PDB file of all heavy atoms in Angstrom:
ATOM      1  N   ALA A   1       0.823  -1.212   0.000  1.00  0.00           N
ATOM      2  CA  ALA A   1       0.000   0.000   0.000  1.00  0.00           C
ATOM      3  C   ALA A   1       0.856   1.260   0.000  1.00  0.00           C
ATOM      4  O   ALA A   1       2.043   1.233   0.343  1.00  0.00           O
ATOM      5  CB  ALA A   1      -0.925   0.000   1.221  1.00  0.00           C
ATOM      6  N   THR A   2       0.227   2.363  -0.390  1.00  0.00           N
ATOM      7  CA  THR A   2       0.880   3.665  -0.291  1.00  0.00           C
ATOM      8  C   THR A   2       0.860   4.120   1.165  1.00  0.00           C
ATOM      9  O   THR A   2       0.238   3.487   2.023  1.00  0.00           O
ATOM     10  CB  THR A   2       0.167   4.700  -1.160  1.00  0.00           C
ATOM     11  OG1 THR A   2      -1.174   4.891  -0.658  1.00  0.00           O
ATOM     12  CG2 THR A   2       0.093   4.239  -2.606  1.00  0.00           C
ATOM     13  N   LEU A   3       1.522   5.233   1.440  1.00  0.00           N
ATOM     14  CA  LEU A   3       1.581   5.740   2.807  1.00  0.00           C
ATOM     15  C   LEU A   3       0.186   6.022   3.363  1.00  0.00           C
ATOM     16  O   LEU A   3      -0.155   5.592   4.471  1.00  0.00           O
ATOM     17  CB  LEU A   3       2.437   7.010   2.849  1.00  0.00           C
ATOM     18  CG  LEU A   3       2.558   7.692   4.222  1.00  0.00           C
ATOM     19  CD1 LEU A   3       3.217   6.763   5.228  1.00  0.00           C
ATOM     20  CD2 LEU A   3       3.350   8.992   4.093  1.00  0.00           C
ATOM     21  N   ASP A   4      -0.643   6.717   2.602  1.00  0.00           N
ATOM     22  CA  ASP A   4      -1.999   7.031   3.061  1.00  0.00           C
ATOM     23  C   ASP A   4      -2.834   5.776   3.237  1.00  0.00           C
ATOM     24  O   ASP A   4      -3.631   5.666   4.179  1.00  0.00           O
ATOM     25  CB  ASP A   4      -2.686   7.982   2.077  1.00  0.00           C
ATOM     26  CG  ASP A   4      -2.129   9.392   2.144  1.00  0.00           C
ATOM     27  OD1 ASP A   4      -1.536   9.731   3.190  1.00  0.00           O
ATOM     28  OD2 ASP A   4      -2.264  10.141   1.163  1.00  0.00           O
ATOM     29  N   GLN A   5      -2.664   4.821   2.332  1.00  0.00           N
ATOM     30  CA  GLN A   5      -3.422   3.578   2.439  1.00  0.00           C
ATOM     31  C   GLN A   5      -3.015   2.779   3.672  1.00  0.00           C
ATOM     32  O   GLN A   5      -3.855   2.159   4.325  1.00  0.00           O
ATOM     33  CB  GLN A   5      -3.219   2.747   1.174  1.00  0.00           C
ATOM     34  CG  GLN A   5      -3.898   3.339  -0.055  1.00  0.00           C
ATOM     35  CD  GLN A   5      -3.505   2.621  -1.324  1.00  0.00           C
ATOM     36  OE1 GLN A   5      -2.526   1.858  -1.362  1.00  0.00           O
ATOM     37  NE2 GLN A   5      -4.254   2.873  -2.393  1.00  0.00           N
ATOM     38  N   LYS A   6      -1.738   2.774   4.005  1.00  0.00           N
ATOM     39  CA  LYS A   6      -1.283   2.087   5.214  1.00  0.00           C
ATOM     40  C   LYS A   6      -1.926   2.687   6.452  1.00  0.00           C
ATOM     41  O   LYS A   6      -2.380   1.975   7.349  1.00  0.00           O
ATOM     42  CB  LYS A   6       0.246   2.175   5.322  1.00  0.00           C
ATOM     43  CG  LYS A   6       1.000   1.315   4.318  1.00  0.00           C
ATOM     44  CD  LYS A   6       2.510   1.473   4.485  1.00  0.00           C
ATOM     45  CE  LYS A   6       3.258   0.583   3.504  1.00  0.00           C
ATOM     46  NZ  LYS A   6       4.732   0.723   3.614  1.00  0.00           N
ATOM     47  N   ARG A   7      -1.949   4.009   6.511  1.00  0.00           N
ATOM     48  CA  ARG A   7      -2.536   4.669   7.666  1.00  0.00           C
ATOM     49  C   ARG A   7      -4.022   4.385   7.777  1.00  0.00           C
ATOM     50  O   ARG A   7      -4.536   4.095   8.854  1.00  0.00           O
ATOM     51  CB  ARG A   7      -2.282   6.175   7.568  1.00  0.00           C
ATOM     52  CG  ARG A   7      -0.813   6.555   7.744  1.00  0.00           C
ATOM     53  CD  ARG A   7      -0.603   8.004   7.377  1.00  0.00           C
ATOM     54  NE  ARG A   7       0.773   8.430   7.599  1.00  0.00           N
ATOM     55  CZ  ARG A   7       1.272   9.581   7.160  1.00  0.00           C
ATOM     56  NH1 ARG A   7       0.500  10.400   6.470  1.00  0.00           N
ATOM     57  NH2 ARG A   7       2.518   9.906   7.406  1.00  0.00           N
ATOM     58  N   MET A   8      -4.716   4.473   6.638  1.00  0.00           N
ATOM     59  CA  MET A   8      -6.147   4.231   6.659  1.00  0.00           C
ATOM     60  C   MET A   8      -6.455   2.785   7.037  1.00  0.00           C
ATOM     61  O   MET A   8      -7.423   2.507   7.742  1.00  0.00           O
ATOM     62  CB  MET A   8      -6.759   4.566   5.299  1.00  0.00           C
ATOM     63  CG  MET A   8      -6.711   6.054   4.944  1.00  0.00           C
ATOM     64  SD  MET A   8      -7.431   7.127   6.221  1.00  0.00           S
ATOM     65  CE  MET A   8      -9.122   6.550   6.215  1.00  0.00           C
ATOM     66  N   LEU A   9      -5.645   1.850   6.575  1.00  0.00           N
ATOM     67  CA  LEU A   9      -5.846   0.439   6.907  1.00  0.00           C
ATOM     68  C   LEU A   9      -5.711   0.218   8.402  1.00  0.00           C
ATOM     69  O   LEU A   9      -6.590  -0.367   9.049  1.00  0.00           O
ATOM     70  CB  LEU A   9      -4.839  -0.420   6.140  1.00  0.00           C
ATOM     71  CG  LEU A   9      -4.822  -1.913   6.505  1.00  0.00           C
ATOM     72  CD1 LEU A   9      -6.134  -2.563   6.103  1.00  0.00           C
ATOM     73  CD2 LEU A   9      -3.643  -2.618   5.846  1.00  0.00           C
ATOM     74  N   LEU A  10      -4.603   0.706   8.977  1.00  0.00           N
ATOM     75  CA  LEU A  10      -4.369   0.497  10.408  1.00  0.00           C
ATOM     76  C   LEU A  10      -5.372   1.257  11.268  1.00  0.00           C
ATOM     77  O   LEU A  10      -5.833   0.750  12.298  1.00  0.00           O
ATOM     78  CB  LEU A  10      -2.936   0.913  10.765  1.00  0.00           C
ATOM     79  CG  LEU A  10      -1.815   0.075  10.126  1.00  0.00           C
ATOM     80  CD1 LEU A  10      -0.454   0.616  10.536  1.00  0.00           C
ATOM     81  CD2 LEU A  10      -1.941  -1.391  10.525  1.00  0.00           C
ATOM     82  N   CYS A  11      -5.725   2.474  10.853  1.00  0.00           N
ATOM     83  CA  CYS A  11      -6.671   3.267  11.654  1.00  0.00           C
ATOM     84  C   CYS A  11      -8.071   2.682  11.610  1.00  0.00           C
ATOM     85  O   CYS A  11      -8.839   2.840  12.559  1.00  0.00           O
ATOM     86  CB  CYS A  11      -6.696   4.711  11.166  1.00  0.00           C
ATOM     87  SG  CYS A  11      -5.190   5.626  11.525  1.00  0.00           S
ATOM     88  N   SER A  12      -8.434   2.011  10.519  1.00  0.00           N
ATOM     89  CA  SER A  12      -9.756   1.402  10.437  1.00  0.00           C
ATOM     90  C   SER A  12      -9.845   0.134  11.278  1.00  0.00           C
ATOM     91  O   SER A  12     -10.911  -0.212  11.781  1.00  0.00           O
ATOM     92  CB  SER A  12     -10.102   1.094   8.982  1.00  0.00           C
ATOM     93  OG  SER A  12      -9.184   0.144   8.451  1.00  0.00           O
ATOM     94  N   ILE A  13      -8.717  -0.567  11.440  1.00  0.00           N
ATOM     95  CA  ILE A  13      -8.704  -1.783  12.254  1.00  0.00           C
ATOM     96  C   ILE A  13      -8.413  -1.462  13.712  1.00  0.00           C
ATOM     97  O   ILE A  13      -9.022  -2.041  14.622  1.00  0.00           O
ATOM     98  CB  ILE A  13      -7.655  -2.779  11.711  1.00  0.00           C
ATOM     99  CG1 ILE A  13      -8.009  -3.193  10.279  1.00  0.00           C
ATOM    100  CG2 ILE A  13      -7.573  -4.014  12.607  1.00  0.00           C
ATOM    101  CD1 ILE A  13      -6.995  -4.111   9.635  1.00  0.00           C
ATOM    102  N   TYR A  14      -7.489  -0.521  13.942  1.00  0.00           N
ATOM    103  CA  TYR A  14      -7.108  -0.140  15.310  1.00  0.00           C
ATOM    104  C   TYR A  14      -7.424   1.355  15.528  1.00  0.00           C
ATOM    105  O   TYR A  14      -6.516   2.194  15.509  1.00  0.00           O
ATOM    106  CB  TYR A  14      -5.623  -0.385  15.557  1.00  0.00           C
ATOM    107  CG  TYR A  14      -5.161  -1.798  15.242  1.00  0.00           C
ATOM    108  CD1 TYR A  14      -4.488  -2.082  14.051  1.00  0.00           C
ATOM    109  CD2 TYR A  14      -5.376  -2.841  16.132  1.00  0.00           C
ATOM    110  CE1 TYR A  14      -4.052  -3.357  13.758  1.00  0.00           C
ATOM    111  CE2 TYR A  14      -4.947  -4.124  15.845  1.00  0.00           C
ATOM    112  CZ  TYR A  14      -4.285  -4.373  14.651  1.00  0.00           C
ATOM    113  OH  TYR A  14      -3.851  -5.639  14.369  1.00  0.00           O
ATOM    114  N   PRO A  15      -8.686   1.718  15.692  1.00  0.00           N
ATOM    115  CA  PRO A  15      -9.045   3.147  15.795  1.00  0.00           C
ATOM    116  C   PRO A  15      -8.446   3.850  17.001  1.00  0.00           C
ATOM    117  O   PRO A  15      -8.288   5.064  16.993  1.00  0.00           O
ATOM    118  CB  PRO A  15     -10.576   3.109  15.886  1.00  0.00           C
ATOM    119  CG  PRO A  15     -10.902   1.745  16.404  1.00  0.00           C
ATOM    120  CD  PRO A  15      -9.857   0.840  15.846  1.00  0.00           C
ATOM    121  N   SER A  16      -8.089   3.104  18.047  1.00  0.00           N
ATOM    122  CA  SER A  16      -7.514   3.715  19.253  1.00  0.00           C
ATOM    123  C   SER A  16      -5.995   3.678  19.258  1.00  0.00           C
ATOM    124  O   SER A  16      -5.365   4.056  20.246  1.00  0.00           O
ATOM    125  CB  SER A  16      -8.048   3.009  20.511  1.00  0.00           C
ATOM    126  OG  SER A  16      -9.453   3.102  20.574  1.00  0.00           O
ATOM    127  N   GLY A  17      -5.392   3.229  18.162  1.00  0.00           N
ATOM    128  CA  GLY A  17      -3.943   3.116  18.113  1.00  0.00           C
ATOM    129  C   GLY A  17      -3.481   1.724  18.515  1.00  0.00           C
ATOM    130  O   GLY A  17      -4.267   0.860  18.903  1.00  0.00           O
ATOM    131  N   MET A  18      -2.159   1.501  18.444  1.00  0.00           N
ATOM    132  CA  MET A  18      -1.573   0.194  18.736  1.00  0.00           C
ATOM    133  C   MET A  18      -0.519   0.350  19.840  1.00  0.00           C
ATOM    134  O   MET A  18       0.602   0.797  19.581  1.00  0.00           O
ATOM    135  CB  MET A  18      -0.939  -0.380  17.462  1.00  0.00           C
ATOM    136  CG  MET A  18      -1.888  -0.462  16.277  1.00  0.00           C
ATOM    137  SD  MET A  18      -1.065  -0.949  14.727  1.00  0.00           S
ATOM    138  CE  MET A  18      -0.604  -2.652  15.103  1.00  0.00           C
ATOM    139  N   PRO A  19      -0.860   0.000  21.091  1.00  0.00           N
ATOM    140  CA  PRO A  19       0.095   0.140  22.206  1.00  0.00           C
ATOM    141  C   PRO A  19       1.287  -0.812  22.040  1.00  0.00           C
ATOM    142  O   PRO A  19       1.122  -1.997  21.752  1.00  0.00           O
ATOM    143  CB  PRO A  19      -0.740  -0.240  23.438  1.00  0.00           C
ATOM    144  CG  PRO A  19      -2.160  -0.121  22.998  1.00  0.00           C
ATOM    145  CD  PRO A  19      -2.175  -0.465  21.554  1.00  0.00           C
ATOM    146  N   TYR A  20       2.506  -0.277  22.232  1.00  0.00           N
ATOM    147  CA  TYR A  20       3.719  -1.078  22.089  1.00  0.00           C
ATOM    148  C   TYR A  20       4.622  -0.845  23.298  1.00  0.00           C
ATOM    149  O   TYR A  20       4.852   0.296  23.710  1.00  0.00           O
ATOM    150  CB  TYR A  20       4.467  -0.688  20.814  1.00  0.00           C
ATOM    151  CG  TYR A  20       5.595  -1.626  20.438  1.00  0.00           C
ATOM    152  CD1 TYR A  20       5.376  -2.677  19.570  1.00  0.00           C
ATOM    153  CD2 TYR A  20       6.876  -1.445  20.958  1.00  0.00           C
ATOM    154  CE1 TYR A  20       6.414  -3.537  19.218  1.00  0.00           C
ATOM    155  CE2 TYR A  20       7.909  -2.298  20.615  1.00  0.00           C
ATOM    156  CZ  TYR A  20       7.675  -3.351  19.747  1.00  0.00           C
ATOM    157  OH  TYR A  20       8.699  -4.206  19.411  1.00  0.00           O
ATOM    158  N   GLY A  21       5.099  -1.954  23.870  1.00  0.00           N
ATOM    159  CA  GLY A  21       5.979  -1.868  25.023  1.00  0.00           C
ATOM    160  C   GLY A  21       7.234  -2.700  24.834  1.00  0.00           C
ATOM    161  O   GLY A  21       7.580  -3.086  23.713  1.00  0.00           O
ATOM    162  N   GLN A  22       7.895  -3.018  25.938  1.00  0.00           N
ATOM    163  CA  GLN A  22       9.139  -3.787  25.861  1.00  0.00           C
ATOM    164  C   GLN A  22       8.920  -5.175  25.288  1.00  0.00           C
ATOM    165  O   GLN A  22       9.805  -5.742  24.651  1.00  0.00           O
ATOM    166  CB  GLN A  22       9.772  -3.882  27.254  1.00  0.00           C
ATOM    167  CG  GLN A  22      10.343  -2.568  27.757  1.00  0.00           C
ATOM    168  CD  GLN A  22      10.957  -2.726  29.133  1.00  0.00           C
ATOM    169  OE1 GLN A  22      10.332  -3.246  30.069  1.00  0.00           O
ATOM    170  NE2 GLN A  22      12.199  -2.279  29.276  1.00  0.00           N
ATOM    171  N   ASN A  23       7.737  -5.728  25.511  1.00  0.00           N
ATOM    172  CA  ASN A  23       7.444  -7.082  25.029  1.00  0.00           C
ATOM    173  C   ASN A  23       6.648  -7.079  23.722  1.00  0.00           C
ATOM    174  O   ASN A  23       6.052  -8.099  23.357  1.00  0.00           O
ATOM    175  CB  ASN A  23       6.676  -7.858  26.103  1.00  0.00           C
ATOM    176  CG  ASN A  23       7.489  -8.027  27.377  1.00  0.00           C
ATOM    177  OD1 ASN A  23       8.698  -8.236  27.315  1.00  0.00           O
ATOM    178  ND2 ASN A  23       6.826  -7.936  28.518  1.00  0.00           N
ATOM    179  N   GLY A  24       6.639  -5.957  23.060  1.00  0.00           N
ATOM    180  CA  GLY A  24       5.916  -5.883  21.789  1.00  0.00           C
ATOM    181  C   GLY A  24       4.506  -5.330  21.949  1.00  0.00           C
ATOM    182  O   GLY A  24       4.175  -4.681  22.937  1.00  0.00           O
ATOM    183  N   TYR A  25       3.659  -5.614  20.976  1.00  0.00           N
ATOM    184  CA  TYR A  25       2.279  -5.141  21.013  1.00  0.00           C
ATOM    185  C   TYR A  25       1.488  -5.885  22.088  1.00  0.00           C
ATOM    186  O   TYR A  25       1.681  -7.091  22.297  1.00  0.00           O
ATOM    187  CB  TYR A  25       1.591  -5.357  19.664  1.00  0.00           C
ATOM    188  CG  TYR A  25       2.014  -4.388  18.593  1.00  0.00           C
ATOM    189  CD1 TYR A  25       2.722  -4.831  17.470  1.00  0.00           C
ATOM    190  CD2 TYR A  25       1.699  -3.039  18.686  1.00  0.00           C
ATOM    191  CE1 TYR A  25       3.102  -3.938  16.472  1.00  0.00           C
ATOM    192  CE2 TYR A  25       2.076  -2.147  17.698  1.00  0.00           C
ATOM    193  CZ  TYR A  25       2.782  -2.602  16.595  1.00  0.00           C
ATOM    194  OH  TYR A  25       3.168  -1.723  15.617  1.00  0.00           O
ATOM    195  N   SER A  26       0.576  -5.175  22.743  1.00  0.00           N
ATOM    196  CA  SER A  26      -0.289  -5.805  23.739  1.00  0.00           C
ATOM    197  C   SER A  26      -1.550  -4.971  23.914  1.00  0.00           C
ATOM    198  O   SER A  26      -1.522  -3.741  23.797  1.00  0.00           O
ATOM    199  CB  SER A  26       0.435  -5.940  25.084  1.00  0.00           C
ATOM    200  OG  SER A  26       0.791  -4.666  25.594  1.00  0.00           O
ATOM    201  N   ASN A  27      -2.654  -5.653  24.161  1.00  0.00           N
ATOM    202  CA  ASN A  27      -3.950  -4.997  24.415  1.00  0.00           C
ATOM    203  C   ASN A  27      -4.373  -4.075  23.267  1.00  0.00           C
ATOM    204  O   ASN A  27      -4.908  -2.989  23.495  1.00  0.00           O
ATOM    205  CB  ASN A  27      -3.901  -4.200  25.719  1.00  0.00           C
ATOM    206  CG  ASN A  27      -3.642  -5.073  26.927  1.00  0.00           C
ATOM    207  OD1 ASN A  27      -4.104  -6.221  26.982  1.00  0.00           O
ATOM    208  ND2 ASN A  27      -2.892  -4.558  27.884  1.00  0.00           N
ATOM    209  N   THR A  28      -4.116  -4.512  22.050  1.00  0.00           N
ATOM    210  CA  THR A  28      -4.575  -3.718  20.911  1.00  0.00           C
ATOM    211  C   THR A  28      -6.090  -3.878  20.762  1.00  0.00           C
ATOM    212  O   THR A  28      -6.606  -4.996  20.750  1.00  0.00           O
ATOM    213  CB  THR A  28      -3.890  -4.173  19.615  1.00  0.00           C
ATOM    214  OG1 THR A  28      -4.049  -5.596  19.464  1.00  0.00           O
ATOM    215  CG2 THR A  28      -2.411  -3.844  19.649  1.00  0.00           C
ATOM    216  N   GLN A  29      -6.798  -2.764  20.668  1.00  0.00           N
ATOM    217  CA  GLN A  29      -8.251  -2.774  20.559  1.00  0.00           C
ATOM    218  C   GLN A  29      -8.660  -2.729  19.090  1.00  0.00           C
ATOM    219  O   GLN A  29      -8.405  -1.748  18.396  1.00  0.00           O
ATOM    220  CB  GLN A  29      -8.843  -1.574  21.308  1.00  0.00           C
ATOM    221  CG  GLN A  29      -8.539  -1.555  22.795  1.00  0.00           C
ATOM    222  CD  GLN A  29      -9.170  -2.730  23.528  1.00  0.00           C
ATOM    223  OE1 GLN A  29     -10.315  -3.109  23.240  1.00  0.00           O
ATOM    224  NE2 GLN A  29      -8.434  -3.302  24.465  1.00  0.00           N
ATOM    225  N   ILE A  30      -9.268  -3.796  18.614  1.00  0.00           N
ATOM    226  CA  ILE A  30      -9.714  -3.879  17.227  1.00  0.00           C
ATOM    227  C   ILE A  30     -11.103  -3.267  17.110  1.00  0.00           C
ATOM    228  O   ILE A  30     -11.919  -3.381  18.014  1.00  0.00           O
ATOM    229  CB  ILE A  30      -9.712  -5.342  16.749  1.00  0.00           C
ATOM    230  CG1 ILE A  30      -8.299  -5.930  16.858  1.00  0.00           C
ATOM    231  CG2 ILE A  30     -10.208  -5.456  15.314  1.00  0.00           C
ATOM    232  CD1 ILE A  30      -8.214  -7.383  16.487  1.00  0.00           C
ATOM    233  N   SER A  31     -11.375  -2.597  15.998  1.00  0.00           N
ATOM    234  CA  SER A  31     -12.665  -1.935  15.800  1.00  0.00           C
ATOM    235  C   SER A  31     -13.805  -2.942  15.881  1.00  0.00           C
ATOM    236  O   SER A  31     -13.645  -4.129  15.589  1.00  0.00           O
ATOM    237  CB  SER A  31     -12.696  -1.234  14.439  1.00  0.00           C
ATOM    238  OG  SER A  31     -12.639  -2.182  13.387  1.00  0.00           O
ATOM    239  N   ALA A  32     -14.984  -2.453  16.269  1.00  0.00           N
ATOM    240  CA  ALA A  32     -16.152  -3.318  16.429  1.00  0.00           C
ATOM    241  C   ALA A  32     -16.529  -3.987  15.115  1.00  0.00           C
ATOM    242  O   ALA A  32     -16.922  -5.163  15.086  1.00  0.00           O
ATOM    243  CB  ALA A  32     -17.323  -2.508  16.975  1.00  0.00           C
ATOM    244  N   PHE A  33     -16.406  -3.253  14.020  1.00  0.00           N
ATOM    245  CA  PHE A  33     -16.773  -3.822  12.726  1.00  0.00           C
ATOM    246  C   PHE A  33     -15.858  -4.993  12.359  1.00  0.00           C
ATOM    247  O   PHE A  33     -16.325  -6.066  11.972  1.00  0.00           O
ATOM    248  CB  PHE A  33     -16.702  -2.747  11.646  1.00  0.00           C
ATOM    249  CG  PHE A  33     -16.934  -3.275  10.259  1.00  0.00           C
ATOM    250  CD1 PHE A  33     -18.188  -3.671   9.853  1.00  0.00           C
ATOM    251  CD2 PHE A  33     -15.887  -3.382   9.351  1.00  0.00           C
ATOM    252  CE1 PHE A  33     -18.406  -4.172   8.571  1.00  0.00           C
ATOM    253  CE2 PHE A  33     -16.093  -3.875   8.077  1.00  0.00           C
ATOM    254  CZ  PHE A  33     -17.357  -4.265   7.686  1.00  0.00           C
ATOM    255  N   TYR A  34     -14.547  -4.782  12.478  1.00  0.00           N
ATOM    256  CA  TYR A  34     -13.631  -5.858  12.097  1.00  0.00           C
ATOM    257  C   TYR A  34     -13.703  -7.020  13.094  1.00  0.00           C
ATOM    258  O   TYR A  34     -13.508  -8.168  12.731  1.00  0.00           O
ATOM    259  CB  TYR A  34     -12.204  -5.330  11.993  1.00  0.00           C
ATOM    260  CG  TYR A  34     -11.302  -6.231  11.178  1.00  0.00           C
ATOM    261  CD1 TYR A  34     -11.335  -6.210   9.796  1.00  0.00           C
ATOM    262  CD2 TYR A  34     -10.435  -7.126  11.792  1.00  0.00           C
ATOM    263  CE1 TYR A  34     -10.536  -7.041   9.039  1.00  0.00           C
ATOM    264  CE2 TYR A  34      -9.620  -7.972  11.048  1.00  0.00           C
ATOM    265  CZ  TYR A  34      -9.677  -7.925   9.661  1.00  0.00           C
ATOM    266  OH  TYR A  34      -8.897  -8.766   8.919  1.00  0.00           O
ATOM    267  N   THR A  35     -14.006  -6.703  14.353  1.00  0.00           N
ATOM    268  CA  THR A  35     -14.170  -7.763  15.348  1.00  0.00           C
ATOM    269  C   THR A  35     -15.333  -8.680  14.975  1.00  0.00           C
ATOM    270  O   THR A  35     -15.265  -9.907  15.139  1.00  0.00           O
ATOM    271  CB  THR A  35     -14.417  -7.160  16.742  1.00  0.00           C
ATOM    272  OG1 THR A  35     -13.286  -6.372  17.112  1.00  0.00           O
ATOM    273  CG2 THR A  35     -14.616  -8.248  17.784  1.00  0.00           C
ATOM    274  N   SER A  36     -16.415  -8.086  14.465  1.00  0.00           N
ATOM    275  CA  SER A  36     -17.572  -8.897  14.068  1.00  0.00           C
ATOM    276  C   SER A  36     -17.232  -9.814  12.897  1.00  0.00           C
ATOM    277  O   SER A  36     -17.776 -10.916  12.786  1.00  0.00           O
ATOM    278  CB  SER A  36     -18.738  -7.984  13.699  1.00  0.00           C
ATOM    279  OG  SER A  36     -18.426  -7.211  12.552  1.00  0.00           O
ATOM    280  N   ILE A  37     -16.324  -9.367  12.027  1.00  0.00           N
ATOM    281  CA  ILE A  37     -15.895 -10.230  10.928  1.00  0.00           C
ATOM    282  C   ILE A  37     -15.021 -11.363  11.456  1.00  0.00           C
ATOM    283  O   ILE A  37     -15.173 -12.530  11.074  1.00  0.00           O
ATOM    284  CB  ILE A  37     -15.120  -9.418   9.870  1.00  0.00           C
ATOM    285  CG1 ILE A  37     -16.002  -8.318   9.294  1.00  0.00           C
ATOM    286  CG2 ILE A  37     -14.634 -10.321   8.744  1.00  0.00           C
ATOM    287  CD1 ILE A  37     -15.284  -7.427   8.301  1.00  0.00           C
ATOM    288  N   LEU A  38     -14.107 -11.025  12.370  1.00  0.00           N
ATOM    289  CA  LEU A  38     -13.221 -12.051  12.933  1.00  0.00           C
ATOM    290  C   LEU A  38     -14.004 -13.112  13.704  1.00  0.00           C
ATOM    291  O   LEU A  38     -13.565 -14.261  13.813  1.00  0.00           O
ATOM    292  CB  LEU A  38     -12.202 -11.392  13.868  1.00  0.00           C
ATOM    293  CG  LEU A  38     -11.101 -10.548  13.207  1.00  0.00           C
ATOM    294  CD1 LEU A  38     -10.233  -9.902  14.271  1.00  0.00           C
ATOM    295  CD2 LEU A  38     -10.254 -11.408  12.275  1.00  0.00           C
ATOM    296  N   ALA A  39     -15.172 -12.720  14.248  1.00  0.00           N
ATOM    297  CA  ALA A  39     -15.971 -13.684  15.002  1.00  0.00           C
ATOM    298  C   ALA A  39     -16.433 -14.836  14.131  1.00  0.00           C
ATOM    299  O   ALA A  39     -16.712 -15.934  14.628  1.00  0.00           O
ATOM    300  CB  ALA A  39     -17.182 -12.971  15.614  1.00  0.00           C
ATOM    301  N   LEU A  40     -16.489 -14.610  12.819  1.00  0.00           N
ATOM    302  CA  LEU A  40     -16.929 -15.664  11.904  1.00  0.00           C
ATOM    303  C   LEU A  40     -15.925 -16.809  11.813  1.00  0.00           C
ATOM    304  O   LEU A  40     -16.284 -17.915  11.432  1.00  0.00           O
ATOM    305  CB  LEU A  40     -17.156 -15.080  10.501  1.00  0.00           C
ATOM    306  CG  LEU A  40     -18.268 -14.036  10.373  1.00  0.00           C
ATOM    307  CD1 LEU A  40     -18.291 -13.480   8.956  1.00  0.00           C
ATOM    308  CD2 LEU A  40     -19.607 -14.628  10.733  1.00  0.00           C
ATOM    309  N   GLN A  41     -14.662 -16.547  12.109  1.00  0.00           N
ATOM    310  CA  GLN A  41     -13.665 -17.606  11.969  1.00  0.00           C
ATOM    311  C   GLN A  41     -13.185 -18.121  13.316  1.00  0.00           C
ATOM    312  O   GLN A  41     -12.147 -18.766  13.399  1.00  0.00           O
ATOM    313  CB  GLN A  41     -12.481 -17.122  11.145  1.00  0.00           C
ATOM    314  CG  GLN A  41     -11.626 -16.031  11.762  1.00  0.00           C
ATOM    315  CD  GLN A  41     -10.518 -15.591  10.804  1.00  0.00           C
ATOM    316  OE1 GLN A  41     -10.569 -15.872   9.620  1.00  0.00           O
ATOM    317  NE2 GLN A  41      -9.521 -14.917  11.329  1.00  0.00           N
ATOM    318  N   GLY A  42     -13.947 -17.844  14.384  1.00  0.00           N
ATOM    319  CA  GLY A  42     -13.599 -18.373  15.691  1.00  0.00           C
ATOM    320  C   GLY A  42     -13.851 -19.872  15.773  1.00  0.00           C
ATOM    321  O   GLY A  42     -14.478 -20.475  14.903  1.00  0.00           O
TER     322      GLY A  42
END
């Protein structure tokens, strides 16, 4: 993707941002819409 497309992709999936610490990503909040899609493959 282009720069703008990368931002839009991540912001649409992680609207609150992506917390990163010493152990990597943790407690990332996925948008309600994408969460409902992921529920289909549980």
